Amino acid sequence: MKEHPSIHNRVTTPLSRKVPLAFRRGVRGEARAWGEAPYKVCVWCITYNHAPYITSAMDGFCRQQTRFPYICTIFDDASTDGEPEVIEQYLHDHFNTEETKETDDYRLTIARHQENKNCYFAVFLLKYNHHSLGKSRRAYYKDLIAGVDYVAFCEGDDYWTDVLKLQKQADALDANPKAMLAYTGFRIIDGEGKPLSRPVIESFSGCSHSGDNLPTLLRHLNYVMTLTTMYRMGVWFSDFFVDCPYKMDFALTLSAALMGDFIWMPEQTACYRSLESGMIATALRQGVHWNQNVYRHYASLVINGQCKPMSFRHHLNIMTLILMRAWKKKDKQLLKDTLRIRPLSCLLLPIAFVRLKIKY
């Protein structure tokens, strides 16, 4: 385990703001007026075999009304259903191409929207499926998003409905330096766009709140829907997330919770499409293995004190919640690790047991 720097340095130290010349110049080569870091927000979209839905996602990106430039990085992971052709046609119809690049791994197109001048797309059409190989894409985009303040997420089968989503979330994070994440409400739809009722997913809003969300995440697991989020870019590149062996949305959300507060916006800004191939359905088929390992990783950070400063009382509450989780899931490894690292936590075992009995 790496020795983590202080949380103050982790949050406030900016990424390198050096941006390659190719990414700072327009079609005719003139430098962009807003300076060295050209975008305030990066929209991150991973898509695979979402040909029927990707147009709705891209429409939601392009309709954003902002006072700042933003770039939508779209990665098609070698889809086989014709999605790359859908994306290319969309670019042809609505964008002016600024740059192109081709390597053995991908074809990249950087383009600016014809009407919404603040909207840029960086489309990576991968030549082979990276997910199946566990291959990172970081080297492809790291220079492109250098200096960006925030990152928002939306998978290719979901879409945004609020044209002010990015602006409102960026404003909220600008006004709250201690906040690492802003997230919102959402609606659930099926593959045809019809409203759906999914009690488990609908219950997520009941857990959502502003402020310190670490105890709630440790108690209820992940209830933050990825398509509604905007994180500080420092969370994505923090040791908390980079060191986690499982790059899931739950891991990113826990990383943010270990670093600072959340901002909850109850208004519905997006539609989550509930599909058999969706992330939640896939995670359910994988069982509890992913979440269990993510939980253990972040619990170990908390137990070792590698997180934001907290009061003694708050730390005791967090430790009790971790022990409750170990009791509930009969996770002997989590219990063993907790007692090994913090032997005095054995004094909290009766409290954890009683609280668990009361809860259930």
Protein backbone atom coordinates (compact mmCIF):
# COMPACT_ATOMS: atom_id res chain seq x y z
CA MET A 1 0.00 0.00 0.00
CA LYS A 2 1.34 3.39 -0.95
CA GLU A 3 1.86 6.06 1.65
CA HIS A 4 -0.84 8.59 0.90
CA PRO A 5 -0.15 12.34 1.08
CA SER A 6 -2.29 14.57 3.24
CA ILE A 7 -5.85 15.08 2.10
CA HIS A 8 -5.17 18.81 1.73
CA ASN A 9 -2.48 18.20 -0.84
CA ARG A 10 -4.47 15.50 -2.54
CA VAL A 11 -7.47 17.71 -3.22
CA THR A 12 -5.88 21.04 -4.00
CA THR A 13 -2.78 20.08 -5.98
CA PRO A 14 -3.74 20.64 -9.63
CA LEU A 15 -2.91 18.28 -12.44
CA SER A 16 -0.40 19.50 -14.96
CA ARG A 17 -2.05 22.20 -17.01
CA LYS A 18 0.20 21.63 -19.99
CA VAL A 19 -2.01 20.92 -22.97
CA PRO A 20 -0.59 19.67 -26.28
CA LEU A 21 -0.64 22.29 -29.03
CA ALA A 22 -2.89 20.08 -31.14
CA PHE A 23 -5.56 20.24 -28.45
CA ARG A 24 -5.26 24.01 -27.91
CA ARG A 25 -5.77 25.14 -31.46
CA GLY A 26 -8.83 25.32 -33.64
CA VAL A 27 -9.40 24.39 -37.27
CA ARG A 28 -7.27 27.28 -38.57
CA GLY A 29 -4.63 26.94 -35.87
CA GLU A 30 -5.62 29.95 -33.77
CA ALA A 31 -5.18 29.62 -30.01
CA ARG A 32 -8.43 29.35 -28.06
CA ALA A 33 -9.38 32.42 -26.06
CA TRP A 34 -9.92 30.72 -22.69
CA GLY A 35 -6.26 29.93 -22.08
CA GLU A 36 -4.02 26.96 -21.54
CA ALA A 37 -6.61 24.54 -20.08
CA PRO A 38 -9.31 24.64 -22.76
CA TYR A 39 -12.15 22.78 -21.00
CA LYS A 40 -13.72 23.15 -17.57
CA VAL A 41 -15.64 19.85 -17.66
CA CYS A 42 -14.98 16.49 -19.27
CA VAL A 43 -17.98 14.27 -20.01
CA TRP A 44 -16.93 10.62 -19.89
CA CYS A 45 -18.95 8.11 -21.93
CA ILE A 46 -18.07 4.43 -22.34
CA THR A 47 -20.29 2.63 -24.80
CA TYR A 48 -20.52 -0.85 -26.30
CA ASN A 49 -23.28 -2.16 -28.57
CA HIS A 50 -25.59 0.74 -27.76
CA ALA A 51 -26.47 1.58 -31.36
CA PRO A 52 -30.21 2.07 -30.62
CA TYR A 53 -29.49 4.44 -27.71
CA ILE A 54 -26.25 6.35 -28.29
CA THR A 55 -27.93 9.14 -30.27
CA SER A 56 -30.07 10.06 -27.23
CA ALA A 57 -26.95 10.18 -25.07
CA MET A 58 -25.12 12.43 -27.54
CA ASP A 59 -28.18 14.68 -27.90
CA GLY A 60 -28.15 15.17 -24.13
CA PHE A 61 -24.48 16.14 -24.25
CA CYS A 62 -24.90 18.63 -27.08
CA ARG A 63 -27.93 20.37 -25.53
CA GLN A 64 -26.06 21.43 -22.40
CA GLN A 65 -26.21 25.17 -21.87
CA THR A 66 -23.00 26.28 -20.19
CA ARG A 67 -20.90 29.38 -19.71
CA PHE A 68 -17.76 27.32 -20.22
CA PRO A 69 -16.35 24.94 -22.85
CA TYR A 70 -16.66 21.22 -22.17
CA ILE A 71 -15.44 18.13 -23.99
CA CYS A 72 -17.30 14.84 -24.31
CA THR A 73 -14.90 11.90 -24.52
CA ILE A 74 -16.75 8.99 -26.09
CA PHE A 75 -15.11 5.56 -26.17
CA ASP A 76 -16.74 2.95 -28.38
CA ASP A 77 -15.19 -0.33 -27.26
CA ALA A 78 -15.20 -2.02 -30.69
CA SER A 79 -18.98 -2.43 -30.88
CA THR A 80 -20.33 -5.05 -33.29
CA ASP A 81 -23.88 -3.72 -33.73
CA GLY A 82 -23.08 -0.78 -36.01
CA GLU A 83 -22.68 1.79 -33.25
CA PRO A 84 -19.38 3.21 -34.60
CA GLU A 85 -21.18 4.09 -37.84
CA VAL A 86 -23.99 5.78 -35.88
CA ILE A 87 -21.47 7.90 -33.99
CA GLU A 88 -19.56 8.85 -37.15
CA GLN A 89 -22.77 9.89 -38.90
CA TYR A 90 -23.73 12.01 -35.88
CA LEU A 91 -20.38 13.79 -36.04
CA HIS A 92 -20.81 14.38 -39.78
CA ASP A 93 -24.29 15.85 -39.31
CA HIS A 94 -23.72 18.08 -36.27
CA PHE A 95 -19.99 18.80 -35.85
CA ASN A 96 -17.04 20.42 -37.57
CA THR A 97 -13.98 18.21 -37.37
CA GLU A 98 -10.92 19.91 -35.90
CA GLU A 99 -8.43 17.05 -35.69
CA THR A 100 -8.09 13.35 -36.43
CA LYS A 101 -5.57 10.76 -35.36
CA GLU A 102 -5.18 7.04 -35.97
CA THR A 103 -3.05 4.47 -34.16
CA ASP A 104 -2.98 0.69 -33.96
CA ASP A 105 -5.40 0.94 -31.03
CA TYR A 106 -7.98 3.57 -32.03
CA ARG A 107 -9.25 6.25 -34.38
CA LEU A 108 -9.69 9.63 -32.73
CA THR A 109 -11.81 12.53 -33.96
CA ILE A 110 -11.90 15.87 -32.13
CA ALA A 111 -14.76 18.08 -33.30
CA ARG A 112 -16.74 21.18 -32.33
CA HIS A 113 -20.52 21.39 -32.43
CA GLN A 114 -21.83 23.53 -35.27
CA GLU A 115 -24.30 25.46 -33.08
CA ASN A 116 -23.27 24.93 -29.45
CA LYS A 117 -19.77 26.41 -29.60
CA ASN A 118 -18.99 25.34 -26.03
CA CYS A 119 -19.48 21.66 -26.91
CA TYR A 120 -16.59 19.55 -28.14
CA PHE A 121 -16.46 15.83 -28.84
CA ALA A 122 -13.39 13.60 -28.67
CA VAL A 123 -14.52 10.27 -30.14
CA PHE A 124 -12.28 7.25 -29.70
CA LEU A 125 -13.33 4.34 -31.91
CA LEU A 126 -11.30 1.49 -30.43
CA LYS A 127 -10.09 -1.13 -32.89
CA TYR A 128 -10.46 -4.03 -30.45
CA ASN A 129 -12.34 -4.60 -27.24
CA HIS A 130 -10.28 -3.19 -24.39
CA HIS A 131 -12.64 -4.26 -21.59
CA SER A 132 -12.23 -7.97 -22.34
CA LEU A 133 -8.44 -7.57 -22.21
CA GLY A 134 -8.47 -5.39 -19.11
CA LYS A 135 -6.45 -2.79 -21.02
CA SER A 136 -6.32 0.78 -19.74
CA ARG A 137 -7.24 3.73 -21.96
CA ARG A 138 -5.51 6.30 -19.77
CA ALA A 139 -2.60 6.91 -22.15
CA TYR A 140 -5.06 7.81 -24.91
CA TYR A 141 -6.77 10.70 -23.13
CA LYS A 142 -4.54 11.93 -20.28
CA ASP A 143 -3.14 14.87 -22.24
CA LEU A 144 -6.51 15.78 -23.69
CA ILE A 145 -8.11 16.41 -20.29
CA ALA A 146 -5.10 17.93 -18.51
CA GLY A 147 -6.22 20.91 -16.44
CA VAL A 148 -9.94 20.03 -16.55
CA ASP A 149 -11.71 20.79 -13.25
CA TYR A 150 -14.58 18.31 -13.26
CA VAL A 151 -15.67 15.04 -14.83
CA ALA A 152 -19.27 13.94 -15.44
CA PHE A 153 -20.32 10.42 -16.43
CA CYS A 154 -23.00 8.94 -18.66
CA GLU A 155 -22.95 5.52 -20.32
CA GLY A 156 -24.07 5.13 -23.92
CA ASP A 157 -27.49 3.69 -23.10
CA ASP A 158 -28.47 6.46 -20.66
CA TYR A 159 -29.11 10.15 -21.36
CA TRP A 160 -29.54 13.56 -19.74
CA THR A 161 -32.81 15.48 -19.73
CA ASP A 162 -31.81 18.72 -17.99
CA VAL A 163 -29.98 21.14 -20.31
CA LEU A 164 -28.49 22.92 -17.27
CA LYS A 165 -27.14 19.79 -15.58
CA LEU A 166 -23.45 20.55 -16.15
CA GLN A 167 -23.77 24.25 -15.36
CA LYS A 168 -25.67 23.71 -12.11
CA GLN A 169 -23.29 21.04 -10.87
CA ALA A 170 -20.17 23.02 -11.79
CA ASP A 171 -21.60 26.09 -10.03
CA ALA A 172 -22.33 24.03 -6.92
CA LEU A 173 -18.81 22.57 -6.81
CA ASP A 174 -17.25 25.97 -7.49
CA ALA A 175 -19.12 27.36 -4.49
CA ASN A 176 -18.22 24.45 -2.18
CA PRO A 177 -14.47 23.70 -2.20
CA LYS A 178 -14.85 20.86 0.33
CA ALA A 179 -17.32 19.01 -1.91
CA MET A 180 -15.90 16.28 -4.15
CA LEU A 181 -19.11 15.18 -5.88
CA ALA A 182 -22.44 16.66 -6.98
CA TYR A 183 -25.21 14.22 -7.92
CA THR A 184 -28.91 14.41 -8.74
CA GLY A 185 -32.19 12.57 -9.03
CA PHE A 186 -33.15 10.50 -12.08
CA ARG A 187 -35.92 8.54 -13.78
CA ILE A 188 -35.91 4.85 -14.77
CA ILE A 189 -36.97 3.75 -18.25
CA ASP A 190 -36.88 0.57 -20.30
CA GLY A 191 -35.28 -0.05 -23.70
CA GLU A 192 -38.23 1.64 -25.42
CA GLY A 193 -38.10 4.73 -23.24
CA LYS A 194 -41.17 3.84 -21.16
CA PRO A 195 -41.18 4.55 -17.39
CA LEU A 196 -40.26 1.59 -15.19
CA SER A 197 -40.64 0.82 -11.52
CA ARG A 198 -37.57 -0.72 -9.88
CA PRO A 199 -38.07 -0.50 -6.08
CA VAL A 200 -34.43 -1.25 -5.26
CA ILE A 201 -33.10 1.49 -7.55
CA GLU A 202 -35.87 3.90 -6.59
CA SER A 203 -34.87 3.52 -2.93
CA PHE A 204 -31.48 5.11 -3.68
CA SER A 205 -32.94 8.61 -3.41
CA GLY A 206 -33.92 7.87 0.18
CA CYS A 207 -30.25 7.44 1.08
CA SER A 208 -29.07 10.53 -0.79
CA HIS A 209 -28.10 13.70 1.06
CA SER A 210 -25.57 16.50 1.13
CA GLY A 211 -22.59 16.57 3.45
CA ASP A 212 -20.52 13.64 4.72
CA ASN A 213 -21.74 10.53 2.89
CA LEU A 214 -19.04 8.09 3.99
CA PRO A 215 -21.11 6.52 6.83
CA THR A 216 -24.12 6.13 4.55
CA LEU A 217 -22.05 4.46 1.81
CA LEU A 218 -20.52 2.06 4.32
CA ARG A 219 -24.00 1.22 5.59
CA HIS A 220 -25.97 1.00 2.31
CA LEU A 221 -23.27 0.48 -0.37
CA ASN A 222 -23.58 2.50 -3.56
CA TYR A 223 -26.75 4.52 -4.12
CA VAL A 224 -25.22 7.25 -6.31
CA MET A 225 -26.25 6.72 -9.94
CA THR A 226 -23.29 7.26 -12.24
CA LEU A 227 -25.22 9.11 -14.96
CA THR A 228 -26.17 11.86 -12.48
CA THR A 229 -22.68 12.59 -11.15
CA MET A 230 -20.03 15.27 -11.49
CA TYR A 231 -16.75 14.71 -9.61
CA ARG A 232 -13.72 16.86 -9.08
CA MET A 233 -11.10 15.57 -11.49
CA GLY A 234 -8.74 15.09 -8.55
CA VAL A 235 -10.94 12.25 -7.28
CA TRP A 236 -10.52 10.29 -10.50
CA PHE A 237 -6.74 10.66 -10.42
CA SER A 238 -6.34 10.24 -6.65
CA ASP A 239 -4.38 7.38 -5.11
CA PHE A 240 -7.63 6.29 -3.48
CA PHE A 241 -9.10 5.35 -6.85
CA VAL A 242 -5.94 4.53 -8.82
CA ASP A 243 -4.81 2.02 -6.18
CA CYS A 244 -8.16 0.24 -6.08
CA PRO A 245 -7.95 -2.99 -8.14
CA TYR A 246 -11.62 -2.68 -9.13
CA LYS A 247 -12.36 0.45 -11.20
CA MET A 248 -16.10 0.53 -10.49
CA ASP A 249 -18.44 3.44 -9.91
CA PHE A 250 -18.72 2.35 -6.26
CA ALA A 251 -14.94 2.71 -5.92
CA LEU A 252 -14.99 6.21 -7.39
CA THR A 253 -17.85 7.26 -5.12
CA LEU A 254 -16.08 5.90 -2.04
CA SER A 255 -12.91 7.71 -3.10
CA ALA A 256 -14.87 10.96 -3.17
CA ALA A 257 -16.38 10.21 0.25
CA LEU A 258 -12.93 9.61 1.74
CA MET A 259 -11.76 12.98 0.40
CA GLY A 260 -14.68 15.31 1.18
CA ASP A 261 -18.41 16.00 1.11
CA PHE A 262 -21.19 15.41 -1.43
CA ILE A 263 -23.79 17.81 -2.85
CA TRP A 264 -27.25 16.29 -3.39
CA MET A 265 -29.59 17.89 -5.94
CA PRO A 266 -33.01 16.20 -5.78
CA GLU A 267 -34.19 17.39 -9.20
CA GLN A 268 -34.29 14.76 -11.95
CA THR A 269 -31.68 15.49 -14.60
CA ALA A 270 -31.28 12.14 -16.39
CA CYS A 271 -32.87 8.87 -17.46
CA TYR A 272 -31.37 5.55 -16.44
CA ARG A 273 -32.18 2.84 -18.96
CA SER A 274 -32.70 -0.47 -17.19
CA LEU A 275 -31.40 -3.17 -19.54
CA GLU A 276 -30.24 -6.74 -19.10
CA SER A 277 -26.83 -5.62 -20.36
CA GLY A 278 -26.70 -2.61 -18.03
CA MET A 279 -24.12 -2.09 -15.32
CA ILE A 280 -26.43 -2.84 -12.37
CA ALA A 281 -27.79 -6.01 -14.01
CA THR A 282 -24.25 -7.14 -14.82
CA ALA A 283 -23.11 -6.48 -11.27
CA LEU A 284 -26.02 -8.50 -9.90
CA ARG A 285 -25.05 -11.45 -12.09
CA GLN A 286 -21.49 -11.19 -10.82
CA GLY A 287 -22.83 -11.60 -7.30
CA VAL A 288 -21.33 -9.76 -4.34
CA HIS A 289 -17.71 -10.41 -5.28
CA TRP A 290 -16.99 -6.97 -6.79
CA ASN A 291 -18.69 -4.94 -4.08
CA GLN A 292 -17.17 -7.08 -1.35
CA ASN A 293 -13.63 -6.50 -2.58
CA VAL A 294 -14.21 -2.78 -3.16
CA TYR A 295 -15.64 -2.50 0.35
CA ARG A 296 -12.64 -4.27 1.88
CA HIS A 297 -10.21 -2.02 0.02
CA TYR A 298 -11.79 1.20 1.26
CA ALA A 299 -12.49 -0.15 4.74
CA SER A 300 -8.75 -0.83 5.06
CA LEU A 301 -8.01 2.79 4.12
CA VAL A 302 -10.40 4.06 6.79
CA ILE A 303 -9.05 1.65 9.41
CA ASN A 304 -5.51 2.82 8.66
CA GLY A 305 -6.55 6.46 8.88
CA GLN A 306 -5.86 7.13 5.19
CA CYS A 307 -8.80 9.44 4.62
CA LYS A 308 -10.08 12.91 5.42
CA PRO A 309 -9.74 14.10 9.03
CA MET A 310 -12.58 13.05 11.31
CA SER A 311 -13.45 13.41 14.97
CA PHE A 312 -12.90 10.56 17.43
CA ARG A 313 -16.65 10.05 17.74
CA HIS A 314 -17.09 9.98 13.97
CA HIS A 315 -14.24 7.47 13.65
CA LEU A 316 -15.86 5.18 16.23
CA ASN A 317 -19.13 5.30 14.28
CA ILE A 318 -17.32 4.42 11.04
CA MET A 319 -15.50 1.52 12.69
CA THR A 320 -18.80 0.23 14.12
CA LEU A 321 -20.39 0.33 10.66
CA ILE A 322 -17.52 -1.68 9.20
CA LEU A 323 -17.89 -4.29 11.95
CA MET A 324 -21.65 -4.39 11.33
CA ARG A 325 -20.95 -5.09 7.67
CA ALA A 326 -18.59 -7.92 8.62
CA TRP A 327 -21.23 -9.44 10.93
CA LYS A 328 -24.04 -9.06 8.41
CA LYS A 329 -22.17 -10.57 5.45
CA LYS A 330 -20.27 -13.09 7.59
CA ASP A 331 -17.13 -11.64 6.07
CA LYS A 332 -14.44 -13.28 8.17
CA GLN A 333 -11.65 -11.62 6.18
CA LEU A 334 -12.99 -8.12 6.82
CA LEU A 335 -13.48 -8.89 10.51
CA LYS A 336 -10.02 -10.40 10.82
CA ASP A 337 -8.34 -7.46 9.08
CA THR A 338 -10.19 -4.92 11.20
CA LEU A 339 -9.24 -6.56 14.49
CA ARG A 340 -5.64 -7.08 13.34
CA ILE A 341 -5.09 -3.45 12.34
CA ARG A 342 -7.14 -1.95 15.19
CA PRO A 343 -7.06 -4.45 18.11
CA LEU A 344 -9.06 -2.11 20.34
CA SER A 345 -11.94 -2.29 17.88
CA CYS A 346 -12.89 -5.55 19.62
CA LEU A 347 -14.49 -3.29 22.23
CA LEU A 348 -16.92 -2.16 19.54
CA LEU A 349 -18.05 -5.69 18.64
CA PRO A 350 -20.94 -5.77 21.18
CA ILE A 351 -22.15 -2.37 19.98
CA ALA A 352 -22.00 -3.48 16.35
CA PHE A 353 -23.87 -6.69 17.15
CA VAL A 354 -26.65 -4.89 19.06
CA ARG A 355 -27.06 -2.21 16.37
CA LEU A 356 -27.30 -4.92 13.73
CA LYS A 357 -29.96 -6.80 15.70
CA ILE A 358 -31.97 -3.61 16.19
CA LYS A 359 -31.75 -2.78 12.49
CA TYR A 360 -32.93 -6.20 11.36
